[in-house]
Amino acid sequence: MAMKPIVDGIERDHAGELTVLRLNVQDPASQPWMERYPFQYTPTFIFIDGQGQELWRTVGAVDPREVAASLDEGP
């Protein structure tokens, strides 16, 4: 929950460039995502391209500048 304002800002600042999907690890509906992109810690942030390929991953707090730089670099 501590990352919510940062993630909201990233989503707002990059509207049209990316889609933010928030998963509740307790919700069974999240299971297919967790099986396809396994992780051990929350929060985990993963960039996935339109074909489902993982491009970038980080665990813990995320720096919005790091996200912006990753988006600028592209795949």
N, C-alpha and C. Protein backbone atom coordinates (compact mmCIF):
# COMPACT_ATOMS: atom_id res chain seq x y z
N MET A 1 0.82 -1.20 0.00
CA MET A 1 0.00 0.00 0.00
C MET A 1 0.87 1.26 0.00
N ALA A 2 2.07 1.16 0.54
CA ALA A 2 2.94 2.33 0.59
C ALA A 2 3.32 2.80 -0.82
N MET A 3 3.34 1.89 -1.77
CA MET A 3 3.73 2.22 -3.14
C MET A 3 2.57 2.76 -3.97
N LYS A 4 1.35 2.69 -3.44
CA LYS A 4 0.18 3.09 -4.22
C LYS A 4 0.29 4.50 -4.81
N PRO A 5 0.66 5.51 -4.04
CA PRO A 5 0.76 6.85 -4.64
C PRO A 5 1.81 6.92 -5.76
N ILE A 6 2.89 6.20 -5.61
CA ILE A 6 3.93 6.20 -6.65
C ILE A 6 3.43 5.50 -7.90
N VAL A 7 2.81 4.34 -7.73
CA VAL A 7 2.28 3.60 -8.88
C VAL A 7 1.17 4.41 -9.55
N ASP A 8 0.32 5.05 -8.77
CA ASP A 8 -0.72 5.90 -9.34
C ASP A 8 -0.11 7.01 -10.18
N GLY A 9 0.98 7.60 -9.70
CA GLY A 9 1.66 8.66 -10.44
C GLY A 9 2.27 8.16 -11.73
N ILE A 10 2.89 6.99 -11.69
CA ILE A 10 3.46 6.39 -12.89
C ILE A 10 2.36 6.13 -13.91
N GLU A 11 1.25 5.58 -13.43
CA GLU A 11 0.12 5.29 -14.32
C GLU A 11 -0.40 6.57 -14.95
N ARG A 12 -0.52 7.62 -14.18
CA ARG A 12 -1.01 8.91 -14.66
C ARG A 12 -0.02 9.53 -15.66
N ASP A 13 1.27 9.53 -15.29
CA ASP A 13 2.29 10.17 -16.12
C ASP A 13 2.53 9.46 -17.44
N HIS A 14 2.21 8.17 -17.49
CA HIS A 14 2.48 7.37 -18.69
C HIS A 14 1.20 6.81 -19.29
N ALA A 15 0.09 7.50 -19.08
CA ALA A 15 -1.19 7.08 -19.66
C ALA A 15 -1.03 6.98 -21.18
N GLY A 16 -1.53 5.90 -21.73
CA GLY A 16 -1.42 5.67 -23.16
C GLY A 16 -0.15 4.91 -23.55
N GLU A 17 0.84 4.89 -22.66
CA GLU A 17 2.08 4.17 -22.93
C GLU A 17 2.09 2.80 -22.28
N LEU A 18 1.38 2.68 -21.16
CA LEU A 18 1.39 1.42 -20.42
C LEU A 18 0.06 1.23 -19.71
N THR A 19 -0.19 0.01 -19.35
CA THR A 19 -1.35 -0.36 -18.56
C THR A 19 -0.84 -0.91 -17.24
N VAL A 20 -1.38 -0.42 -16.16
CA VAL A 20 -0.99 -0.90 -14.83
C VAL A 20 -2.00 -1.94 -14.40
N LEU A 21 -1.50 -3.10 -14.06
CA LEU A 21 -2.33 -4.19 -13.55
C LEU A 21 -1.89 -4.46 -12.12
N ARG A 22 -2.80 -4.29 -11.19
CA ARG A 22 -2.51 -4.55 -9.79
C ARG A 22 -3.13 -5.89 -9.41
N LEU A 23 -2.31 -6.76 -8.85
CA LEU A 23 -2.80 -8.08 -8.47
C LEU A 23 -2.82 -8.21 -6.96
N ASN A 24 -3.89 -8.79 -6.46
CA ASN A 24 -3.99 -9.14 -5.05
C ASN A 24 -3.57 -10.60 -4.95
N VAL A 25 -2.45 -10.87 -4.30
CA VAL A 25 -1.93 -12.24 -4.24
C VAL A 25 -2.86 -13.17 -3.48
N GLN A 26 -3.79 -12.63 -2.72
CA GLN A 26 -4.76 -13.45 -1.98
C GLN A 26 -5.96 -13.84 -2.83
N ASP A 27 -6.12 -13.19 -3.98
CA ASP A 27 -7.29 -13.42 -4.84
C ASP A 27 -7.00 -14.55 -5.82
N PRO A 28 -7.82 -15.61 -5.82
CA PRO A 28 -7.61 -16.72 -6.74
C PRO A 28 -7.58 -16.29 -8.22
N ALA A 29 -8.24 -15.19 -8.56
CA ALA A 29 -8.24 -14.72 -9.95
C ALA A 29 -6.84 -14.28 -10.39
N SER A 30 -5.96 -14.01 -9.45
CA SER A 30 -4.58 -13.60 -9.77
C SER A 30 -3.67 -14.80 -10.06
N GLN A 31 -4.11 -15.98 -9.74
CA GLN A 31 -3.29 -17.18 -9.84
C GLN A 31 -2.65 -17.38 -11.22
N PRO A 32 -3.39 -17.24 -12.32
CA PRO A 32 -2.75 -17.45 -13.63
C PRO A 32 -1.58 -16.49 -13.88
N TRP A 33 -1.72 -15.26 -13.44
CA TRP A 33 -0.63 -14.29 -13.60
C TRP A 33 0.57 -14.70 -12.74
N MET A 34 0.30 -15.14 -11.53
CA MET A 34 1.37 -15.51 -10.61
C MET A 34 2.09 -16.77 -11.08
N GLU A 35 1.40 -17.64 -11.79
CA GLU A 35 2.03 -18.83 -12.34
C GLU A 35 2.90 -18.47 -13.55
N ARG A 36 2.43 -17.56 -14.36
CA ARG A 36 3.18 -17.19 -15.57
C ARG A 36 4.39 -16.32 -15.24
N TYR A 37 4.26 -15.45 -14.25
CA TYR A 37 5.34 -14.54 -13.86
C TYR A 37 5.62 -14.73 -12.36
N PRO A 38 6.24 -15.84 -12.00
CA PRO A 38 6.42 -16.16 -10.58
C PRO A 38 7.28 -15.12 -9.86
N PHE A 39 6.96 -14.95 -8.59
CA PHE A 39 7.72 -14.05 -7.73
C PHE A 39 7.60 -14.54 -6.30
N GLN A 40 8.51 -14.06 -5.45
CA GLN A 40 8.51 -14.48 -4.06
C GLN A 40 8.15 -13.35 -3.10
N TYR A 41 8.35 -12.12 -3.51
CA TYR A 41 8.19 -11.00 -2.59
C TYR A 41 7.20 -9.98 -3.14
N THR A 42 6.54 -9.31 -2.23
CA THR A 42 5.67 -8.21 -2.61
C THR A 42 6.17 -6.95 -1.92
N PRO A 43 6.13 -5.83 -2.61
CA PRO A 43 5.66 -5.72 -4.00
C PRO A 43 6.74 -6.12 -4.99
N THR A 44 6.27 -6.69 -6.10
CA THR A 44 7.12 -6.97 -7.25
C THR A 44 6.51 -6.22 -8.43
N PHE A 45 7.35 -5.53 -9.17
CA PHE A 45 6.90 -4.78 -10.34
C PHE A 45 7.52 -5.42 -11.57
N ILE A 46 6.68 -5.70 -12.57
CA ILE A 46 7.14 -6.37 -13.78
C ILE A 46 6.60 -5.58 -14.98
N PHE A 47 7.49 -5.28 -15.93
CA PHE A 47 7.07 -4.72 -17.22
C PHE A 47 6.95 -5.88 -18.18
N ILE A 48 5.81 -5.96 -18.87
CA ILE A 48 5.54 -7.02 -19.82
C ILE A 48 5.13 -6.36 -21.13
N ASP A 49 5.72 -6.81 -22.25
CA ASP A 49 5.35 -6.21 -23.53
C ASP A 49 4.03 -6.79 -24.04
N GLY A 50 3.58 -6.31 -25.17
CA GLY A 50 2.30 -6.72 -25.73
C GLY A 50 2.22 -8.19 -26.10
N GLN A 51 3.39 -8.85 -26.22
CA GLN A 51 3.41 -10.27 -26.55
C GLN A 51 3.56 -11.14 -25.31
N GLY A 52 3.57 -10.50 -24.13
CA GLY A 52 3.66 -11.26 -22.89
C GLY A 52 5.08 -11.55 -22.42
N GLN A 53 6.08 -10.96 -23.08
CA GLN A 53 7.47 -11.17 -22.69
C GLN A 53 7.85 -10.21 -21.57
N GLU A 54 8.49 -10.73 -20.56
CA GLU A 54 8.94 -9.89 -19.46
C GLU A 54 10.12 -9.05 -19.92
N LEU A 55 10.02 -7.73 -19.68
CA LEU A 55 11.07 -6.80 -20.09
C LEU A 55 11.89 -6.29 -18.92
N TRP A 56 11.27 -6.19 -17.76
CA TRP A 56 11.91 -5.54 -16.63
C TRP A 56 11.22 -6.00 -15.36
N ARG A 57 12.00 -6.13 -14.28
CA ARG A 57 11.43 -6.56 -13.00
C ARG A 57 12.23 -5.94 -11.88
N THR A 58 11.53 -5.56 -10.82
CA THR A 58 12.19 -5.10 -9.61
C THR A 58 11.31 -5.46 -8.42
N VAL A 59 11.94 -5.60 -7.28
CA VAL A 59 11.24 -5.96 -6.05
C VAL A 59 11.42 -4.83 -5.05
N GLY A 60 10.36 -4.55 -4.31
CA GLY A 60 10.43 -3.51 -3.30
C GLY A 60 10.03 -2.17 -3.86
N ALA A 61 10.50 -1.13 -3.21
CA ALA A 61 10.16 0.23 -3.64
C ALA A 61 10.67 0.47 -5.04
N VAL A 62 9.88 1.20 -5.81
CA VAL A 62 10.26 1.53 -7.18
C VAL A 62 10.44 3.04 -7.29
N ASP A 63 11.48 3.43 -7.99
CA ASP A 63 11.77 4.83 -8.22
C ASP A 63 11.10 5.25 -9.53
N PRO A 64 10.20 6.23 -9.50
CA PRO A 64 9.52 6.64 -10.74
C PRO A 64 10.50 7.04 -11.84
N ARG A 65 11.66 7.58 -11.48
CA ARG A 65 12.66 7.95 -12.49
C ARG A 65 13.22 6.71 -13.18
N GLU A 66 13.37 5.61 -12.41
CA GLU A 66 13.85 4.36 -12.99
C GLU A 66 12.82 3.81 -13.98
N VAL A 67 11.55 3.93 -13.63
CA VAL A 67 10.49 3.48 -14.53
C VAL A 67 10.51 4.31 -15.80
N ALA A 68 10.60 5.63 -15.66
CA ALA A 68 10.63 6.51 -16.84
C ALA A 68 11.82 6.18 -17.73
N ALA A 69 12.99 5.95 -17.13
CA ALA A 69 14.17 5.61 -17.91
C ALA A 69 13.97 4.28 -18.63
N SER A 70 13.35 3.31 -17.99
CA SER A 70 13.09 2.01 -18.62
C SER A 70 12.14 2.16 -19.79
N LEU A 71 11.14 3.02 -19.65
CA LEU A 71 10.20 3.25 -20.74
C LEU A 71 10.88 3.95 -21.91
N ASP A 72 11.78 4.89 -21.60
CA ASP A 72 12.49 5.62 -22.64
C ASP A 72 13.44 4.72 -23.43
N GLU A 73 14.04 3.73 -22.73
CA GLU A 73 14.98 2.81 -23.37
C GLU A 73 14.27 1.90 -24.36
N GLY A 74 13.06 1.50 -24.00
CA GLY A 74 12.31 0.57 -24.85
C GLY A 74 12.89 -0.83 -24.76
N PRO A 75 12.27 -1.78 -25.46
CA PRO A 75 12.74 -3.17 -25.40
C PRO A 75 14.08 -3.36 -26.07
